[in-house]
Amino acid sequence: MTRNPVPHLPRTPRRTVLGGAAALAAGLALAGCGDGADGDADAPRERKKGQKITLTFWSWVPGIDKPVDLWNRKNPDVQVKVEKVSAVNGEQYAKMHAAIKAGNPPDLGQIEFPVVPSFLLDNGLLDLAPLGAARHKDKFFGWQWQQSVFGKGIYAIPQASGPMGLFVRQDLFDTWGLKAPGTWDEYEAAAKVIRKKGAWIETFAPTNGNRFAGLAWQAGAKWYATHGDTWIVHIDDEPTRRVADYWESLVKQKLVKTIPDRQNAWYKDLQTGAITAWVGASWGDALLVGNAPGTKGKWRAAPLPQWKAGDRVFANWGGSTTAVFAKASYPKDALDFAVWLNTDPASIALLIAGGYGFPSAKQGYATDALDADKTFFGGQAYSKVFADAGAHVDTSWRWGPGVDTLYQRLGDAFTDALADGSSFRAALTKVQRQTLSDLQGKGLKVESGG
């Protein structure tokens, strides 16, 4: 929709949101300074009774059109227009940041938990607290709600999480006498057997920083912390080095491929059985169904392998929010839509059918309703695997600013390491140094945790 200069909700400047003492209520502080503009005292633009408006919404969620269509049928005065954006290699965020800079962002956007802080750096998101967003808090799982709370501000409505697990080709595992590995040692042992059979257990995708972060999360890493108004950054902490060492060893033993995941060559390998497992997330069921239809009935889901036998330590890959951009024309209506989209039972049912992940809402669905592709998984109630993982995610993990850039840094560093034979630890050291520099360049106070 075309936007004219209109009054808007006062925005807490970046200097305030990203500076000052730790936000105890959120368990997280964003600290820093810079050229944040002062907020203003203008009242928000409100829709007049009977006025018809259109809100724009950028999203990549599969099947998002269906719940939006349902909203549009129920709300003729407040129509929502979806524009699909690519989620490959962070393209959606580059487009969003460019739109913010140009002054013409959409009203709402799909934004993953890890990158919410990055949008605060450019004053891109509206603080929903003055609109009364806090009254919706108890509708969502607490740790997911807190992912978008900084200080007293609320900057997005949680939509879904991505507890991690392991997808395996059960037919091939059975043929080769293998069980789903319960530990990472067992995973390596299975990889050796599978390689001797002419296949691969899976790939180490060098450009997938999001998945690597999840694996580090499970291992006990803490990439971001705060001390007063200073960010403590430790991308190369010991747990992360352990994960890097592990995958580097698999690569050097030629037990895993090194092609990107979720691209054509990888999908082909899934179809043919050249790749027989995937460390993925709960939303991966729809991805497998949509891209490897010839393997129907052959897959199963299993818990994420553990570093120590008997442990139950899990992590999250991704997880999304519905955020309202700072220049939203009608912020109250945008908030109403965001809450409805992620809590209304009919909307959740449509989102589940599209394969969007595990709902952030506490109610409005049953776990077995998430088994949308049960026949593809041989009749397994596979969502129970991810529900259990979600209940044991380390909720102390926190994201910091610049994660989208961090992912690009990791991808470049791991790609270079694969090309020149340098160590994955050296790649982490490089990314740690780059991340410190990146955040300092944004005017943030930052120290190394190493």
Protein backbone atom coordinates (compact mmCIF):
# COMPACT_ATOMS: atom_id res chain seq x y z
CA MET A 1 0.00 0.00 0.00
CA THR A 2 1.07 3.58 -0.53
CA ARG A 3 2.04 5.35 2.65
CA ASN A 4 1.84 9.07 3.19
CA PRO A 5 3.70 10.76 6.03
CA VAL A 6 1.43 10.13 9.00
CA PRO A 7 1.72 10.30 12.77
CA HIS A 8 3.02 7.11 14.31
CA LEU A 9 3.67 5.53 17.65
CA PRO A 10 6.60 7.02 19.55
CA ARG A 11 9.65 4.85 19.05
CA THR A 12 12.24 4.29 21.69
CA PRO A 13 15.49 5.27 20.00
CA ARG A 14 18.20 2.75 19.40
CA ARG A 15 20.37 4.47 21.98
CA THR A 16 17.78 3.59 24.63
CA VAL A 17 16.76 0.13 23.45
CA LEU A 18 20.32 -0.98 22.86
CA GLY A 19 21.89 0.81 25.79
CA GLY A 20 21.81 0.88 29.53
CA ALA A 21 21.55 -1.80 32.16
CA ALA A 22 20.65 -5.42 31.50
CA ALA A 23 16.98 -6.11 30.95
CA LEU A 24 16.32 -8.33 33.93
CA ALA A 25 12.78 -9.20 32.94
CA ALA A 26 13.98 -10.53 29.61
CA GLY A 27 17.14 -12.07 30.96
CA LEU A 28 18.88 -10.13 28.19
CA ALA A 29 20.18 -6.65 27.52
CA LEU A 30 21.01 -5.00 24.28
CA ALA A 31 23.66 -2.41 24.90
CA GLY A 32 25.12 0.27 22.70
CA CYS A 33 24.91 3.70 21.25
CA GLY A 34 24.78 5.35 17.87
CA ASP A 35 22.71 7.59 15.71
CA GLY A 36 19.27 6.46 16.85
CA ALA A 37 16.65 9.10 16.19
CA ASP A 38 14.67 10.53 19.04
CA GLY A 39 11.16 9.21 19.49
CA ASP A 40 8.22 11.53 19.09
CA ALA A 41 5.04 12.01 21.01
CA ASP A 42 2.62 11.73 18.11
CA ALA A 43 -0.39 9.52 18.64
CA PRO A 44 -0.64 6.34 16.54
CA ARG A 45 -2.71 6.44 13.41
CA GLU A 46 -5.98 4.62 14.13
CA ARG A 47 -8.48 3.31 11.65
CA LYS A 48 -11.84 5.03 11.70
CA LYS A 49 -14.94 2.92 12.17
CA GLY A 50 -15.92 1.39 8.84
CA GLN A 51 -12.70 2.50 7.15
CA LYS A 52 -11.22 -0.11 4.83
CA ILE A 53 -7.46 -0.57 4.85
CA THR A 54 -4.87 -2.97 3.47
CA LEU A 55 -1.82 -4.14 5.41
CA THR A 56 1.21 -5.61 3.65
CA PHE A 57 2.91 -8.70 5.06
CA TRP A 58 6.22 -10.17 3.89
CA SER A 59 6.64 -13.87 4.68
CA TRP A 60 8.21 -17.07 3.38
CA VAL A 61 6.15 -19.48 5.50
CA PRO A 62 4.69 -22.26 3.33
CA GLY A 63 0.93 -22.02 3.04
CA ILE A 64 0.76 -18.62 4.76
CA ASP A 65 -1.76 -17.51 2.16
CA LYS A 66 -4.45 -19.76 3.60
CA PRO A 67 -4.68 -18.31 7.12
CA VAL A 68 -4.36 -14.83 5.63
CA ASP A 69 -7.27 -15.61 3.30
CA LEU A 70 -9.26 -16.75 6.32
CA TRP A 71 -8.50 -13.47 8.11
CA ASN A 72 -9.51 -11.51 5.04
CA ARG A 73 -12.84 -13.30 4.85
CA LYS A 74 -13.51 -12.57 8.51
CA ASN A 75 -12.21 -9.01 8.45
CA PRO A 76 -13.43 -7.23 5.32
CA ASP A 77 -12.34 -3.84 6.62
CA VAL A 78 -8.76 -4.90 7.38
CA GLN A 79 -7.32 -6.81 4.47
CA VAL A 80 -3.83 -8.31 4.54
CA LYS A 81 -1.82 -8.68 1.36
CA VAL A 82 0.96 -11.30 1.45
CA GLU A 83 4.17 -10.83 -0.49
CA LYS A 84 6.37 -13.92 -0.52
CA VAL A 85 10.07 -13.31 0.07
CA SER A 86 12.94 -15.72 -0.44
CA ALA A 87 14.48 -17.24 2.68
CA VAL A 88 17.61 -18.48 0.88
CA ASN A 89 20.85 -17.21 2.42
CA GLY A 90 19.14 -14.38 4.25
CA GLU A 91 17.73 -12.74 1.12
CA GLN A 92 14.53 -11.82 2.95
CA TYR A 93 16.40 -9.83 5.57
CA ALA A 94 18.55 -7.99 3.06
CA LYS A 95 15.33 -6.94 1.34
CA MET A 96 13.72 -5.88 4.62
CA HIS A 97 16.71 -3.84 5.75
CA ALA A 98 16.87 -2.18 2.35
CA ALA A 99 13.18 -1.31 2.57
CA ILE A 100 13.66 0.17 6.05
CA LYS A 101 16.56 2.27 4.81
CA ALA A 102 14.49 3.45 1.84
CA GLY A 103 11.60 4.32 4.14
CA ASN A 104 9.08 1.93 2.58
CA PRO A 105 8.99 -1.31 4.60
CA PRO A 106 5.84 -3.45 4.75
CA ASP A 107 3.45 -3.22 7.67
CA LEU A 108 4.38 -6.67 8.98
CA GLY A 109 7.14 -9.14 8.38
CA GLN A 110 8.19 -12.67 9.16
CA ILE A 111 11.37 -12.40 11.25
CA GLU A 112 13.23 -15.23 12.93
CA PHE A 113 14.12 -15.01 16.61
CA PRO A 114 17.88 -14.70 16.00
CA VAL A 115 17.65 -11.59 13.86
CA VAL A 116 15.14 -9.52 15.84
CA PRO A 117 17.99 -7.60 17.57
CA SER A 118 19.46 -6.68 14.17
CA PHE A 119 16.27 -4.87 13.24
CA LEU A 120 16.40 -2.91 16.48
CA LEU A 121 19.73 -1.51 15.39
CA ASP A 122 18.10 0.40 12.55
CA ASN A 123 14.92 1.26 14.46
CA GLY A 124 13.08 -1.05 12.10
CA LEU A 125 10.50 -2.54 14.47
CA LEU A 126 7.65 -0.99 16.39
CA ASP A 127 7.56 -1.35 20.14
CA LEU A 128 4.24 -3.10 20.70
CA ALA A 129 4.19 -2.53 24.46
CA PRO A 130 2.37 0.84 24.24
CA LEU A 131 -0.34 -0.96 22.26
CA GLY A 132 -0.93 -3.35 25.15
CA ALA A 133 0.84 -6.36 23.64
CA ALA A 134 1.78 -7.61 27.11
CA ARG A 135 -1.81 -8.73 27.70
CA HIS A 136 -1.17 -11.51 25.17
CA LYS A 137 1.96 -12.83 26.88
CA ASP A 138 0.32 -15.79 28.61
CA LYS A 139 -0.96 -17.13 25.29
CA PHE A 140 2.58 -18.15 24.35
CA PHE A 141 5.38 -20.29 25.73
CA GLY A 142 7.39 -18.03 28.01
CA TRP A 143 10.89 -18.56 26.59
CA GLN A 144 9.65 -17.87 23.07
CA TRP A 145 7.81 -14.70 24.10
CA GLN A 146 10.99 -13.45 25.76
CA GLN A 147 12.99 -13.84 22.55
CA SER A 148 11.49 -10.55 21.34
CA VAL A 149 11.38 -8.66 24.65
CA PHE A 150 14.18 -6.19 25.30
CA GLY A 151 14.02 -4.00 28.35
CA LYS A 152 10.40 -2.87 28.60
CA GLY A 153 9.86 -3.16 24.88
CA ILE A 154 8.01 -5.91 23.00
CA TYR A 155 9.11 -6.09 19.39
CA ALA A 156 7.36 -9.09 17.83
CA ILE A 157 4.70 -11.74 18.38
CA PRO A 158 6.11 -15.29 18.46
CA GLN A 159 4.86 -17.68 15.82
CA ALA A 160 6.76 -20.97 15.89
CA SER A 161 9.89 -22.65 17.16
CA GLY A 162 12.13 -25.30 15.64
CA PRO A 163 13.22 -27.91 18.21
CA MET A 164 15.91 -30.07 16.64
CA GLY A 165 15.98 -33.78 15.96
CA LEU A 166 17.34 -36.35 13.52
CA PHE A 167 15.49 -37.57 10.44
CA VAL A 168 16.65 -41.00 9.22
CA ARG A 169 15.89 -43.29 6.29
CA GLN A 170 14.59 -46.14 8.42
CA ASP A 171 14.44 -48.60 5.52
CA LEU A 172 18.14 -48.22 4.79
CA PHE A 173 19.11 -48.19 8.44
CA ASP A 174 17.19 -51.45 8.90
CA THR A 175 18.83 -53.00 5.84
CA TRP A 176 22.26 -52.16 7.21
CA GLY A 177 21.47 -53.18 10.78
CA LEU A 178 21.69 -49.66 12.15
CA LYS A 179 19.69 -47.95 14.84
CA ALA A 180 19.12 -44.23 15.03
CA PRO A 181 22.26 -42.96 16.83
CA GLY A 182 21.61 -41.87 20.40
CA THR A 183 24.97 -40.13 20.82
CA TRP A 184 27.35 -38.26 18.56
CA ASP A 185 29.85 -41.12 18.91
CA GLU A 186 27.16 -43.48 17.62
CA TYR A 187 26.41 -41.03 14.83
CA GLU A 188 30.03 -41.19 13.68
CA ALA A 189 30.00 -44.99 13.88
CA ALA A 190 26.84 -45.10 11.78
CA ALA A 191 28.43 -42.71 9.28
CA LYS A 192 31.30 -45.15 8.80
CA VAL A 193 28.96 -48.07 8.10
CA ILE A 194 26.84 -46.02 5.71
CA ARG A 195 29.88 -44.80 3.80
CA LYS A 196 31.03 -48.37 3.25
CA LYS A 197 27.64 -49.02 1.68
CA GLY A 198 28.30 -46.29 -0.86
CA ALA A 199 26.03 -43.68 0.70
CA TRP A 200 26.50 -40.80 3.13
CA ILE A 201 24.87 -40.16 6.46
CA GLU A 202 24.39 -36.52 5.43
CA THR A 203 26.22 -33.28 4.66
CA PHE A 204 28.06 -30.63 6.61
CA ALA A 205 26.51 -27.60 4.96
CA PRO A 206 29.16 -24.88 5.27
CA THR A 207 26.80 -21.98 4.61
CA ASN A 208 24.16 -23.06 7.12
CA GLY A 209 25.15 -20.95 10.11
CA ASN A 210 21.67 -21.31 11.56
CA ARG A 211 22.00 -25.07 11.98
CA PHE A 212 25.55 -24.76 13.25
CA ALA A 213 24.31 -22.34 15.90
CA GLY A 214 21.73 -24.90 16.99
CA LEU A 215 24.40 -27.58 17.34
CA ALA A 216 26.57 -25.21 19.37
CA TRP A 217 23.51 -24.33 21.48
CA GLN A 218 23.00 -28.02 22.30
CA ALA A 219 26.65 -28.39 23.24
CA GLY A 220 26.34 -25.64 25.84
CA ALA A 221 27.71 -22.65 23.94
CA LYS A 222 26.88 -19.11 24.99
CA TRP A 223 27.70 -16.80 22.11
CA TYR A 224 26.23 -13.63 23.60
CA ALA A 225 26.06 -12.21 27.11
CA THR A 226 25.99 -8.74 28.61
CA HIS A 227 27.80 -6.98 31.40
CA GLY A 228 26.27 -3.62 32.18
CA ASP A 229 26.12 -1.81 28.85
CA THR A 230 28.70 -4.04 27.16
CA TRP A 231 28.17 -7.02 24.92
CA ILE A 232 30.32 -10.07 25.67
CA VAL A 233 30.80 -12.08 22.48
CA HIS A 234 32.28 -15.57 22.44
CA ILE A 235 31.61 -17.29 19.11
CA ASP A 236 34.69 -19.48 19.57
CA ASP A 237 33.93 -20.72 23.08
CA GLU A 238 34.90 -24.23 24.09
CA PRO A 239 31.52 -25.91 23.39
CA THR A 240 31.47 -24.40 19.89
CA ARG A 241 35.02 -25.56 19.28
CA ARG A 242 33.94 -29.05 20.29
CA VAL A 243 31.19 -28.99 17.68
CA ALA A 244 33.57 -27.60 15.04
CA ASP A 245 36.19 -30.25 15.82
CA TYR A 246 33.59 -32.99 15.55
CA TRP A 247 32.33 -31.99 12.12
CA GLU A 248 35.81 -31.24 10.85
CA SER A 249 36.78 -34.78 11.79
CA LEU A 250 33.82 -36.20 9.88
CA VAL A 251 34.76 -34.10 6.85
CA LYS A 252 38.40 -35.17 6.94
CA GLN A 253 37.38 -38.81 7.25
CA LYS A 254 35.12 -38.26 4.20
CA LEU A 255 32.13 -39.49 6.18
CA VAL A 256 29.88 -36.57 5.25
CA LYS A 257 29.33 -34.53 2.16
CA THR A 258 30.00 -30.81 2.13
CA ILE A 259 27.30 -29.62 -0.26
CA PRO A 260 24.77 -27.00 0.86
CA ASP A 261 21.57 -28.42 2.28
CA ARG A 262 18.10 -27.46 1.07
CA GLN A 263 19.28 -26.96 -2.49
CA ASN A 264 18.80 -29.03 -5.65
CA ALA A 265 21.79 -31.37 -5.32
CA TRP A 266 20.86 -32.14 -1.72
CA TYR A 267 17.23 -32.81 -2.60
CA LYS A 268 18.37 -35.20 -5.30
CA ASP A 269 20.52 -37.06 -2.77
CA LEU A 270 17.51 -37.39 -0.47
CA GLN A 271 15.45 -38.84 -3.30
CA THR A 272 18.06 -41.36 -4.35
CA GLY A 273 19.18 -42.42 -0.88
CA ALA A 274 22.68 -41.03 -1.36
CA ILE A 275 22.05 -39.09 1.86
CA THR A 276 20.32 -41.15 4.53
CA ALA A 277 19.81 -38.80 7.47
CA TRP A 278 19.47 -35.13 8.31
CA VAL A 279 19.99 -33.21 11.53
CA GLY A 280 16.98 -30.94 11.15
CA ALA A 281 14.18 -29.24 13.00
CA SER A 282 10.50 -29.88 13.56
CA TRP A 283 9.55 -27.97 10.41
CA GLY A 284 11.67 -30.36 8.36
CA ASP A 285 8.79 -32.78 7.88
CA ALA A 286 7.19 -30.56 5.25
CA LEU A 287 10.55 -29.99 3.58
CA LEU A 288 11.17 -33.73 3.19
CA VAL A 289 7.63 -34.40 1.98
CA GLY A 290 7.78 -31.64 -0.58
CA ASN A 291 11.20 -32.44 -1.97
CA ALA A 292 11.57 -36.22 -1.65
CA PRO A 293 8.08 -37.57 -2.42
CA GLY A 294 9.50 -40.82 -3.77
CA THR A 295 10.71 -41.75 -0.28
CA LYS A 296 7.25 -41.74 1.29
CA GLY A 297 6.95 -44.11 4.24
CA LYS A 298 10.71 -44.59 4.56
CA TRP A 299 11.63 -41.80 6.98
CA ARG A 300 11.43 -41.64 10.76
CA ALA A 301 12.23 -38.93 13.29
CA ALA A 302 14.57 -39.57 16.22
CA PRO A 303 15.93 -37.42 19.05
CA LEU A 304 19.02 -35.33 18.41
CA PRO A 305 22.15 -37.34 19.28
CA GLN A 306 23.60 -36.45 22.68
CA TRP A 307 27.17 -35.69 23.68
CA LYS A 308 26.75 -37.97 26.69
CA ALA A 309 24.64 -41.11 26.77
CA GLY A 310 21.50 -40.64 28.81
CA ASP A 311 21.43 -36.85 28.53
CA ARG A 312 18.38 -35.00 27.23
CA VAL A 313 19.82 -31.73 25.98
CA PHE A 314 18.27 -30.12 22.95
CA ALA A 315 18.32 -26.90 20.97
CA ASN A 316 16.28 -24.84 18.58
CA TRP A 317 16.89 -24.14 14.89
CA GLY A 318 15.12 -21.05 13.70
CA GLY A 319 11.81 -20.06 15.15
CA SER A 320 9.85 -17.16 13.79
CA THR A 321 7.88 -14.13 14.82
CA THR A 322 5.36 -11.84 13.22
CA ALA A 323 6.77 -8.35 13.67
CA VAL A 324 5.22 -4.96 13.05
CA PHE A 325 7.53 -2.54 11.28
CA ALA A 326 8.08 0.91 12.73
CA LYS A 327 6.39 2.65 9.80
CA ALA A 328 3.25 0.51 9.89
CA SER A 329 0.32 2.66 8.81
CA TYR A 330 -2.15 1.17 11.26
CA PRO A 331 -0.14 -0.46 14.06
CA LYS A 332 -3.08 -1.52 16.23
CA ASP A 333 -4.68 -3.42 13.37
CA ALA A 334 -1.29 -4.93 12.50
CA LEU A 335 -0.88 -6.14 16.09
CA ASP A 336 -4.39 -7.58 16.10
CA PHE A 337 -3.61 -9.54 12.96
CA ALA A 338 -0.26 -10.78 14.30
CA VAL A 339 -1.86 -12.10 17.50
CA TRP A 340 -4.79 -13.68 15.64
CA LEU A 341 -2.49 -15.33 13.09
CA ASN A 342 -0.52 -17.07 15.83
CA THR A 343 -3.23 -17.94 18.37
CA ASP A 344 -6.51 -18.54 16.56
CA PRO A 345 -7.13 -22.32 16.39
CA ALA A 346 -8.31 -22.18 12.77
CA SER A 347 -5.26 -20.18 11.76
CA ILE A 348 -2.92 -22.52 13.63
CA ALA A 349 -4.52 -25.51 11.92
CA LEU A 350 -3.82 -23.98 8.51
CA LEU A 351 -0.26 -23.06 9.48
CA ILE A 352 0.35 -26.60 10.72
CA ALA A 353 -0.98 -28.00 7.46
CA GLY A 354 1.53 -25.79 5.65
CA GLY A 355 4.40 -27.10 7.76
CA TYR A 356 5.49 -23.94 9.56
CA GLY A 357 7.02 -25.55 12.65
CA PHE A 358 5.96 -25.96 16.28
CA PRO A 359 3.39 -23.35 17.36
CA SER A 360 4.51 -20.79 19.91
CA ALA A 361 0.95 -20.65 21.24
CA LYS A 362 0.20 -22.77 24.28
CA GLN A 363 -3.32 -23.70 23.19
CA GLY A 364 -5.44 -24.13 20.10
CA TYR A 365 -4.00 -27.42 18.83
CA ALA A 366 -3.01 -30.93 19.89
CA THR A 367 0.49 -32.35 19.45
CA ASP A 368 -0.78 -35.14 17.23
CA ALA A 369 -2.30 -32.50 14.97
CA LEU A 370 1.28 -31.65 14.04
CA ASP A 371 1.67 -35.10 12.48
CA ALA A 372 0.40 -33.71 9.20
CA ASP A 373 2.59 -36.12 7.22
CA LYS A 374 2.25 -39.22 9.36
CA THR A 375 2.05 -41.60 6.39
CA PHE A 376 5.29 -40.18 4.99
CA PHE A 377 6.93 -41.22 8.27
CA GLY A 378 5.59 -44.75 8.19
CA GLY A 379 2.73 -44.03 10.60
CA GLN A 380 5.06 -42.66 13.30
CA ALA A 381 3.68 -40.03 15.68
CA TYR A 382 6.83 -38.11 14.93
CA SER A 383 5.84 -34.80 16.48
CA LYS A 384 6.19 -36.33 19.94
CA VAL A 385 9.94 -36.47 19.26
CA PHE A 386 10.05 -32.73 18.70
CA ALA A 387 7.62 -31.92 21.51
CA ASP A 388 9.98 -33.66 23.92
CA ALA A 389 12.94 -31.81 22.42
CA GLY A 390 11.12 -28.50 22.78
CA ALA A 391 10.48 -29.23 26.45
CA HIS A 392 14.23 -29.69 27.02
CA VAL A 393 15.67 -26.78 25.07
CA ASP A 394 18.28 -24.81 27.00
CA THR A 395 16.27 -21.63 27.52
CA SER A 396 19.27 -19.62 28.73
CA TRP A 397 20.54 -19.17 25.16
CA ARG A 398 20.24 -15.56 24.00
CA TRP A 399 20.74 -13.89 20.65
CA GLY A 400 22.53 -10.63 20.04
CA PRO A 401 22.66 -8.01 17.30
CA GLY A 402 24.09 -8.76 13.89
CA VAL A 403 23.28 -12.48 13.75
CA ASP A 404 22.36 -12.30 10.06
CA THR A 405 25.85 -10.95 9.35
CA LEU A 406 27.32 -13.54 11.71
CA TYR A 407 25.73 -16.34 9.67
CA GLN A 408 27.28 -14.93 6.51
CA ARG A 409 30.64 -14.74 8.24
CA LEU A 410 30.39 -18.36 9.37
CA GLY A 411 29.39 -19.49 5.90
CA ASP A 412 32.33 -17.72 4.28
CA ALA A 413 34.79 -18.95 6.89
CA PHE A 414 33.71 -22.60 6.72
CA THR A 415 33.64 -22.49 2.92
CA ASP A 416 37.18 -21.12 2.89
CA ALA A 417 38.31 -23.76 5.38
CA LEU A 418 36.94 -26.53 3.18
CA ALA A 419 38.69 -25.03 0.17
CA ASP A 420 42.13 -24.42 1.69
CA GLY A 421 42.24 -27.15 4.33
CA SER A 422 42.53 -24.81 7.28
CA SER A 423 40.94 -25.83 10.57
CA PHE A 424 37.39 -25.16 11.60
CA ARG A 425 38.75 -23.74 14.85
CA ALA A 426 40.65 -21.16 12.83
CA ALA A 427 37.38 -20.33 11.08
CA LEU A 428 35.71 -19.70 14.44
CA THR A 429 38.59 -17.50 15.58
CA LYS A 430 38.25 -15.48 12.39
CA VAL A 431 34.49 -15.08 12.82
CA GLN A 432 34.93 -14.09 16.47
CA ARG A 433 37.30 -11.31 15.43
CA GLN A 434 35.01 -10.19 12.61
CA THR A 435 31.95 -10.16 14.85
CA LEU A 436 33.66 -7.96 17.42
CA SER A 437 34.62 -5.57 14.65
CA ASP A 438 31.13 -5.62 13.14
CA LEU A 439 29.44 -4.73 16.41
CA GLN A 440 31.98 -2.05 17.24
CA GLY A 441 31.27 -0.59 13.82
CA LYS A 442 27.63 -0.32 14.80
CA GLY A 443 28.55 1.76 17.82
CA LEU A 444 28.11 -1.01 20.38
CA LYS A 445 30.31 -1.55 23.40
CA VAL A 446 31.72 -5.04 23.02
CA GLU A 447 34.32 -7.32 24.59
CA SER A 448 35.60 -10.78 23.76
CA GLY A 449 34.55 -13.58 26.03
CA GLY A 450 37.74 -15.44 25.29
